[in-house]
Amino acid sequence: MAITSTRCHVLGASVARLTDLEGNVERVICPHYEESSRTCRLRAQAVSGGPLGQLLERVAEDTLADAGIRCELVA
């Protein structure tokens, strides 16, 4: 297992990822990440801002192609 630091565009800071030997993410260590649902609480709050809020958030994060509130930290 390896621990790597990854930039989280939502949080604006680095978070830690625990990966297995094949590089699969086993756990994300972030105060806003909910392990059970694999969602980010910050993104979930932004969804309540309506379509314009979601669009502006994704433009700022450069994640227009991503859908939903899942936390994908694979880079």
PDB file of N, CA and C in Angstrom:
ATOM      1  N   MET A   1       0.835  -1.173   0.000  1.00  0.00           N
ATOM      2  CA  MET A   1       0.000   0.000   0.000  1.00  0.00           C
ATOM      3  C   MET A   1       0.883   1.241   0.000  1.00  0.00           C
ATOM      4  N   ALA A   2       0.376   2.258  -0.661  1.00  0.00           N
ATOM      5  CA  ALA A   2       1.118   3.509  -0.756  1.00  0.00           C
ATOM      6  C   ALA A   2       0.195   4.679  -0.449  1.00  0.00           C
ATOM      7  N   ILE A   3       0.751   5.707   0.144  1.00  0.00           N
ATOM      8  CA  ILE A   3       0.007   6.934   0.405  1.00  0.00           C
ATOM      9  C   ILE A   3       0.577   8.006  -0.517  1.00  0.00           C
ATOM     10  N   THR A   4      -0.307   8.611  -1.297  1.00  0.00           N
ATOM     11  CA  THR A   4       0.111   9.673  -2.206  1.00  0.00           C
ATOM     12  C   THR A   4      -0.717  10.916  -1.938  1.00  0.00           C
ATOM     13  N   SER A   5      -0.147  12.056  -2.228  1.00  0.00           N
ATOM     14  CA  SER A   5      -0.837  13.328  -2.077  1.00  0.00           C
ATOM     15  C   SER A   5      -1.382  13.740  -3.435  1.00  0.00           C
ATOM     16  N   THR A   6      -2.639  14.176  -3.456  1.00  0.00           N
ATOM     17  CA  THR A   6      -3.303  14.558  -4.693  1.00  0.00           C
ATOM     18  C   THR A   6      -3.992  15.895  -4.506  1.00  0.00           C
ATOM     19  N   ARG A   7      -3.947  16.723  -5.516  1.00  0.00           N
ATOM     20  CA  ARG A   7      -4.608  18.026  -5.468  1.00  0.00           C
ATOM     21  C   ARG A   7      -6.109  17.841  -5.636  1.00  0.00           C
ATOM     22  N   CYS A   8      -6.868  18.403  -4.714  1.00  0.00           N
ATOM     23  CA  CYS A   8      -8.331  18.385  -4.783  1.00  0.00           C
ATOM     24  C   CYS A   8      -8.779  19.771  -5.232  1.00  0.00           C
ATOM     25  N   HIS A   9      -9.381  19.859  -6.411  1.00  0.00           N
ATOM     26  CA  HIS A   9      -9.789  21.149  -6.954  1.00  0.00           C
ATOM     27  C   HIS A   9     -10.985  21.723  -6.213  1.00  0.00           C
ATOM     28  N   VAL A  10     -11.792  20.874  -5.617  1.00  0.00           N
ATOM     29  CA  VAL A  10     -12.953  21.342  -4.862  1.00  0.00           C
ATOM     30  C   VAL A  10     -12.504  22.003  -3.569  1.00  0.00           C
ATOM     31  N   LEU A  11     -11.631  21.327  -2.839  1.00  0.00           N
ATOM     32  CA  LEU A  11     -11.138  21.810  -1.562  1.00  0.00           C
ATOM     33  C   LEU A  11     -10.095  22.915  -1.741  1.00  0.00           C
ATOM     34  N   GLY A  12      -9.362  22.860  -2.842  1.00  0.00           N
ATOM     35  CA  GLY A  12      -8.296  23.822  -3.077  1.00  0.00           C
ATOM     36  C   GLY A  12      -7.039  23.499  -2.294  1.00  0.00           C
ATOM     37  N   ALA A  13      -6.884  22.234  -1.932  1.00  0.00           N
ATOM     38  CA  ALA A  13      -5.729  21.802  -1.145  1.00  0.00           C
ATOM     39  C   ALA A  13      -5.396  20.360  -1.519  1.00  0.00           C
ATOM     40  N   SER A  14      -4.357  19.852  -0.923  1.00  0.00           N
ATOM     41  CA  SER A  14      -3.970  18.471  -1.174  1.00  0.00           C
ATOM     42  C   SER A  14      -4.654  17.536  -0.180  1.00  0.00           C
ATOM     43  N   VAL A  15      -5.039  16.360  -0.660  1.00  0.00           N
ATOM     44  CA  VAL A  15      -5.599  15.311   0.190  1.00  0.00           C
ATOM     45  C   VAL A  15      -4.762  14.057  -0.028  1.00  0.00           C
ATOM     46  N   ALA A  16      -4.880  13.120   0.872  1.00  0.00           N
ATOM     47  CA  ALA A  16      -4.099  11.889   0.776  1.00  0.00           C
ATOM     48  C   ALA A  16      -4.955  10.762   0.213  1.00  0.00           C
ATOM     49  N   ARG A  17      -4.319   9.930  -0.608  1.00  0.00           N
ATOM     50  CA  ARG A  17      -4.969   8.732  -1.148  1.00  0.00           C
ATOM     51  C   ARG A  17      -4.174   7.521  -0.718  1.00  0.00           C
ATOM     52  N   LEU A  18      -4.875   6.520  -0.268  1.00  0.00           N
ATOM     53  CA  LEU A  18      -4.257   5.244   0.063  1.00  0.00           C
ATOM     54  C   LEU A  18      -4.572   4.297  -1.080  1.00  0.00           C
ATOM     55  N   THR A  19      -3.529   3.789  -1.736  1.00  0.00           N
ATOM     56  CA  THR A  19      -3.726   2.905  -2.891  1.00  0.00           C
ATOM     57  C   THR A  19      -3.114   1.542  -2.623  1.00  0.00           C
ATOM     58  N   ASP A  20      -3.644   0.536  -3.323  1.00  0.00           N
ATOM     59  CA  ASP A  20      -3.055  -0.798  -3.203  1.00  0.00           C
ATOM     60  C   ASP A  20      -1.876  -0.904  -4.171  1.00  0.00           C
ATOM     61  N   LEU A  21      -1.278  -2.073  -4.251  1.00  0.00           N
ATOM     62  CA  LEU A  21      -0.084  -2.243  -5.087  1.00  0.00           C
ATOM     63  C   LEU A  21      -0.368  -2.084  -6.576  1.00  0.00           C
ATOM     64  N   GLU A  22      -1.626  -2.234  -6.986  1.00  0.00           N
ATOM     65  CA  GLU A  22      -1.992  -2.074  -8.392  1.00  0.00           C
ATOM     66  C   GLU A  22      -2.398  -0.640  -8.728  1.00  0.00           C
ATOM     67  N   GLY A  23      -2.405   0.237  -7.727  1.00  0.00           N
ATOM     68  CA  GLY A  23      -2.749   1.636  -7.961  1.00  0.00           C
ATOM     69  C   GLY A  23      -4.217   1.956  -7.776  1.00  0.00           C
ATOM     70  N   ASN A  24      -5.030   1.001  -7.338  1.00  0.00           N
ATOM     71  CA  ASN A  24      -6.446   1.242  -7.096  1.00  0.00           C
ATOM     72  C   ASN A  24      -6.613   2.013  -5.791  1.00  0.00           C
ATOM     73  N   VAL A  25      -7.468   3.018  -5.810  1.00  0.00           N
ATOM     74  CA  VAL A  25      -7.691   3.832  -4.623  1.00  0.00           C
ATOM     75  C   VAL A  25      -8.479   3.024  -3.601  1.00  0.00           C
ATOM     76  N   GLU A  26      -7.902   2.860  -2.418  1.00  0.00           N
ATOM     77  CA  GLU A  26      -8.557   2.138  -1.331  1.00  0.00           C
ATOM     78  C   GLU A  26      -9.284   3.100  -0.393  1.00  0.00           C
ATOM     79  N   ARG A  27      -8.697   4.274  -0.193  1.00  0.00           N
ATOM     80  CA  ARG A  27      -9.278   5.231   0.742  1.00  0.00           C
ATOM     81  C   ARG A  27      -8.802   6.633   0.407  1.00  0.00           C
ATOM     82  N   VAL A  28      -9.681   7.614   0.591  1.00  0.00           N
ATOM     83  CA  VAL A  28      -9.337   9.016   0.435  1.00  0.00           C
ATOM     84  C   VAL A  28      -9.384   9.643   1.823  1.00  0.00           C
ATOM     85  N   ILE A  29      -8.315  10.318   2.200  1.00  0.00           N
ATOM     86  CA  ILE A  29      -8.242  10.939   3.520  1.00  0.00           C
ATOM     87  C   ILE A  29      -8.455  12.437   3.348  1.00  0.00           C
ATOM     88  N   CYS A  30      -9.679  12.865   3.619  1.00  0.00           N
ATOM     89  CA  CYS A  30     -10.081  14.259   3.450  1.00  0.00           C
ATOM     90  C   CYS A  30     -11.220  14.525   4.431  1.00  0.00           C
ATOM     91  N   PRO A  31     -11.235  15.678   5.095  1.00  0.00           N
ATOM     92  CA  PRO A  31     -12.290  15.949   6.075  1.00  0.00           C
ATOM     93  C   PRO A  31     -13.680  16.088   5.468  1.00  0.00           C
ATOM     94  N   HIS A  32     -13.776  16.298   4.163  1.00  0.00           N
ATOM     95  CA  HIS A  32     -15.067  16.506   3.514  1.00  0.00           C
ATOM     96  C   HIS A  32     -15.519  15.292   2.706  1.00  0.00           C
ATOM     97  N   TYR A  33     -14.793  14.200   2.791  1.00  0.00           N
ATOM     98  CA  TYR A  33     -15.095  12.997   2.003  1.00  0.00           C
ATOM     99  C   TYR A  33     -15.866  12.007   2.859  1.00  0.00           C
ATOM    100  N   GLU A  34     -17.003  11.528   2.347  1.00  0.00           N
ATOM    101  CA  GLU A  34     -17.798  10.527   3.039  1.00  0.00           C
ATOM    102  C   GLU A  34     -17.503   9.165   2.425  1.00  0.00           C
ATOM    103  N   GLU A  35     -16.819   8.337   3.181  1.00  0.00           N
ATOM    104  CA  GLU A  35     -16.348   7.041   2.695  1.00  0.00           C
ATOM    105  C   GLU A  35     -17.498   6.144   2.236  1.00  0.00           C
ATOM    106  N   SER A  36     -18.604   6.137   2.983  1.00  0.00           N
ATOM    107  CA  SER A  36     -19.707   5.213   2.677  1.00  0.00           C
ATOM    108  C   SER A  36     -20.352   5.487   1.325  1.00  0.00           C
ATOM    109  N   SER A  37     -20.527   6.749   0.970  1.00  0.00           N
ATOM    110  CA  SER A  37     -21.186   7.085  -0.293  1.00  0.00           C
ATOM    111  C   SER A  37     -20.214   7.503  -1.390  1.00  0.00           C
ATOM    112  N   ARG A  38     -18.929   7.626  -1.055  1.00  0.00           N
ATOM    113  CA  ARG A  38     -17.894   8.091  -1.983  1.00  0.00           C
ATOM    114  C   ARG A  38     -18.232   9.452  -2.575  1.00  0.00           C
ATOM    115  N   THR A  39     -18.821  10.297  -1.745  1.00  0.00           N
ATOM    116  CA  THR A  39     -19.161  11.635  -2.205  1.00  0.00           C
ATOM    117  C   THR A  39     -18.448  12.678  -1.362  1.00  0.00           C
ATOM    118  N   CYS A  40     -18.314  13.844  -1.936  1.00  0.00           N
ATOM    119  CA  CYS A  40     -17.686  14.985  -1.273  1.00  0.00           C
ATOM    120  C   CYS A  40     -18.790  15.880  -0.728  1.00  0.00           C
ATOM    121  N   ARG A  41     -18.746  16.171   0.560  1.00  0.00           N
ATOM    122  CA  ARG A  41     -19.780  17.024   1.163  1.00  0.00           C
ATOM    123  C   ARG A  41     -19.779  18.417   0.547  1.00  0.00           C
ATOM    124  N   LEU A  42     -18.620  18.930   0.162  1.00  0.00           N
ATOM    125  CA  LEU A  42     -18.556  20.258  -0.454  1.00  0.00           C
ATOM    126  C   LEU A  42     -19.276  20.259  -1.801  1.00  0.00           C
ATOM    127  N   ARG A  43     -19.089  19.209  -2.572  1.00  0.00           N
ATOM    128  CA  ARG A  43     -19.783  19.118  -3.863  1.00  0.00           C
ATOM    129  C   ARG A  43     -21.274  18.923  -3.656  1.00  0.00           C
ATOM    130  N   ALA A  44     -21.651  18.145  -2.645  1.00  0.00           N
ATOM    131  CA  ALA A  44     -23.066  17.923  -2.366  1.00  0.00           C
ATOM    132  C   ALA A  44     -23.758  19.226  -2.009  1.00  0.00           C
ATOM    133  N   GLN A  45     -23.067  20.102  -1.271  1.00  0.00           N
ATOM    134  CA  GLN A  45     -23.637  21.404  -0.923  1.00  0.00           C
ATOM    135  C   GLN A  45     -23.779  22.281  -2.163  1.00  0.00           C
ATOM    136  N   ALA A  46     -22.850  22.179  -3.089  1.00  0.00           N
ATOM    137  CA  ALA A  46     -22.911  22.993  -4.304  1.00  0.00           C
ATOM    138  C   ALA A  46     -24.082  22.585  -5.178  1.00  0.00           C
ATOM    139  N   VAL A  47     -24.454  21.304  -5.138  1.00  0.00           N
ATOM    140  CA  VAL A  47     -25.586  20.830  -5.937  1.00  0.00           C
ATOM    141  C   VAL A  47     -26.861  21.545  -5.517  1.00  0.00           C
ATOM    142  N   SER A  48     -26.975  21.903  -4.248  1.00  0.00           N
ATOM    143  CA  SER A  48     -28.169  22.587  -3.773  1.00  0.00           C
ATOM    144  C   SER A  48     -28.236  24.026  -4.276  1.00  0.00           C
ATOM    145  N   GLY A  49     -27.165  24.518  -4.908  1.00  0.00           N
ATOM    146  CA  GLY A  49     -27.135  25.874  -5.431  1.00  0.00           C
ATOM    147  C   GLY A  49     -27.848  26.041  -6.762  1.00  0.00           C
ATOM    148  N   GLY A  50     -28.393  24.969  -7.304  1.00  0.00           N
ATOM    149  CA  GLY A  50     -29.106  25.039  -8.564  1.00  0.00           C
ATOM    150  C   GLY A  50     -28.177  24.902  -9.757  1.00  0.00           C
ATOM    151  N   PRO A  51     -28.757  24.892 -10.951  1.00  0.00           N
ATOM    152  CA  PRO A  51     -27.969  24.677 -12.175  1.00  0.00           C
ATOM    153  C   PRO A  51     -26.874  25.713 -12.404  1.00  0.00           C
ATOM    154  N   LEU A  52     -27.164  26.974 -12.133  1.00  0.00           N
ATOM    155  CA  LEU A  52     -26.143  28.011 -12.346  1.00  0.00           C
ATOM    156  C   LEU A  52     -24.988  27.829 -11.376  1.00  0.00           C
ATOM    157  N   GLY A  53     -25.276  27.529 -10.118  1.00  0.00           N
ATOM    158  CA  GLY A  53     -24.225  27.294  -9.129  1.00  0.00           C
ATOM    159  C   GLY A  53     -23.355  26.112  -9.507  1.00  0.00           C
ATOM    160  N   GLN A  54     -23.983  25.047 -10.012  1.00  0.00           N
ATOM    161  CA  GLN A  54     -23.234  23.862 -10.439  1.00  0.00           C
ATOM    162  C   GLN A  54     -22.336  24.188 -11.630  1.00  0.00           C
ATOM    163  N   LEU A  55     -22.879  24.949 -12.579  1.00  0.00           N
ATOM    164  CA  LEU A  55     -22.095  25.315 -13.758  1.00  0.00           C
ATOM    165  C   LEU A  55     -20.888  26.159 -13.358  1.00  0.00           C
ATOM    166  N   LEU A  56     -21.100  27.167 -12.524  1.00  0.00           N
ATOM    167  CA  LEU A  56     -19.996  28.036 -12.114  1.00  0.00           C
ATOM    168  C   LEU A  56     -18.945  27.262 -11.332  1.00  0.00           C
ATOM    169  N   GLU A  57     -19.388  26.320 -10.484  1.00  0.00           N
ATOM    170  CA  GLU A  57     -18.435  25.514  -9.727  1.00  0.00           C
ATOM    171  C   GLU A  57     -17.584  24.658 -10.662  1.00  0.00           C
ATOM    172  N   ARG A  58     -18.214  24.037 -11.646  1.00  0.00           N
ATOM    173  CA  ARG A  58     -17.472  23.162 -12.554  1.00  0.00           C
ATOM    174  C   ARG A  58     -16.565  23.945 -13.493  1.00  0.00           C
ATOM    175  N   VAL A  59     -16.963  25.154 -13.851  1.00  0.00           N
ATOM    176  CA  VAL A  59     -16.077  26.001 -14.658  1.00  0.00           C
ATOM    177  C   VAL A  59     -14.843  26.349 -13.838  1.00  0.00           C
ATOM    178  N   ALA A  60     -15.037  26.710 -12.566  1.00  0.00           N
ATOM    179  CA  ALA A  60     -13.915  27.073 -11.700  1.00  0.00           C
ATOM    180  C   ALA A  60     -12.984  25.893 -11.470  1.00  0.00           C
ATOM    181  N   GLU A  61     -13.546  24.679 -11.399  1.00  0.00           N
ATOM    182  CA  GLU A  61     -12.740  23.476 -11.157  1.00  0.00           C
ATOM    183  C   GLU A  61     -12.193  22.864 -12.443  1.00  0.00           C
ATOM    184  N   ASP A  62     -12.655  23.373 -13.595  1.00  0.00           N
ATOM    185  CA  ASP A  62     -12.303  22.801 -14.894  1.00  0.00           C
ATOM    186  C   ASP A  62     -12.740  21.336 -14.971  1.00  0.00           C
ATOM    187  N   THR A  63     -13.974  21.077 -14.505  1.00  0.00           N
ATOM    188  CA  THR A  63     -14.517  19.712 -14.512  1.00  0.00           C
ATOM    189  C   THR A  63     -15.884  19.664 -15.180  1.00  0.00           C
ATOM    190  N   LEU A  64     -16.051  20.393 -16.264  1.00  0.00           N
ATOM    191  CA  LEU A  64     -17.346  20.411 -16.938  1.00  0.00           C
ATOM    192  C   LEU A  64     -17.772  19.035 -17.440  1.00  0.00           C
ATOM    193  N   ALA A  65     -16.843  18.174 -17.757  1.00  0.00           N
ATOM    194  CA  ALA A  65     -17.183  16.851 -18.274  1.00  0.00           C
ATOM    195  C   ALA A  65     -17.626  15.891 -17.171  1.00  0.00           C
ATOM    196  N   ASP A  66     -17.338  16.219 -15.907  1.00  0.00           N
ATOM    197  CA  ASP A  66     -17.723  15.334 -14.802  1.00  0.00           C
ATOM    198  C   ASP A  66     -19.182  15.523 -14.431  1.00  0.00           C
ATOM    199  N   ALA A  67     -19.816  14.423 -14.022  1.00  0.00           N
ATOM    200  CA  ALA A  67     -21.218  14.495 -13.604  1.00  0.00           C
ATOM    201  C   ALA A  67     -21.346  14.038 -12.161  1.00  0.00           C
ATOM    202  N   GLY A  68     -22.299  14.587 -11.440  1.00  0.00           N
ATOM    203  CA  GLY A  68     -22.596  14.120 -10.094  1.00  0.00           C
ATOM    204  C   GLY A  68     -21.699  14.710  -9.032  1.00  0.00           C
ATOM    205  N   ILE A  69     -21.813  14.149  -7.832  1.00  0.00           N
ATOM    206  CA  ILE A  69     -21.068  14.664  -6.679  1.00  0.00           C
ATOM    207  C   ILE A  69     -20.029  13.670  -6.200  1.00  0.00           C
ATOM    208  N   ARG A  70     -19.735  12.674  -7.007  1.00  0.00           N
ATOM    209  CA  ARG A  70     -18.725  11.690  -6.653  1.00  0.00           C
ATOM    210  C   ARG A  70     -17.358  12.357  -6.583  1.00  0.00           C
ATOM    211  N   CYS A  71     -16.521  11.829  -5.735  1.00  0.00           N
ATOM    212  CA  CYS A  71     -15.161  12.350  -5.574  1.00  0.00           C
ATOM    213  C   CYS A  71     -14.214  11.437  -6.328  1.00  0.00           C
ATOM    214  N   GLU A  72     -13.730  11.879  -7.455  1.00  0.00           N
ATOM    215  CA  GLU A  72     -12.834  11.069  -8.287  1.00  0.00           C
ATOM    216  C   GLU A  72     -11.427  11.653  -8.205  1.00  0.00           C
ATOM    217  N   LEU A  73     -10.593  11.075  -7.375  1.00  0.00           N
ATOM    218  CA  LEU A  73      -9.224  11.546  -7.220  1.00  0.00           C
ATOM    219  C   LEU A  73      -8.270  10.492  -7.781  1.00  0.00           C
ATOM    220  N   VAL A  74      -8.266  10.362  -9.088  1.00  0.00           N
ATOM    221  CA  VAL A  74      -7.456   9.326  -9.715  1.00  0.00           C
ATOM    222  C   VAL A  74      -6.209   9.881 -10.371  1.00  0.00           C
ATOM    223  N   ALA A  75      -6.066  11.175 -10.423  1.00  0.00           N
ATOM    224  CA  ALA A  75      -4.889  11.756 -11.090  1.00  0.00           C
ATOM    225  C   ALA A  75      -3.681  11.741 -10.211  1.00  0.00           C
TER     226      ALA A  75
END
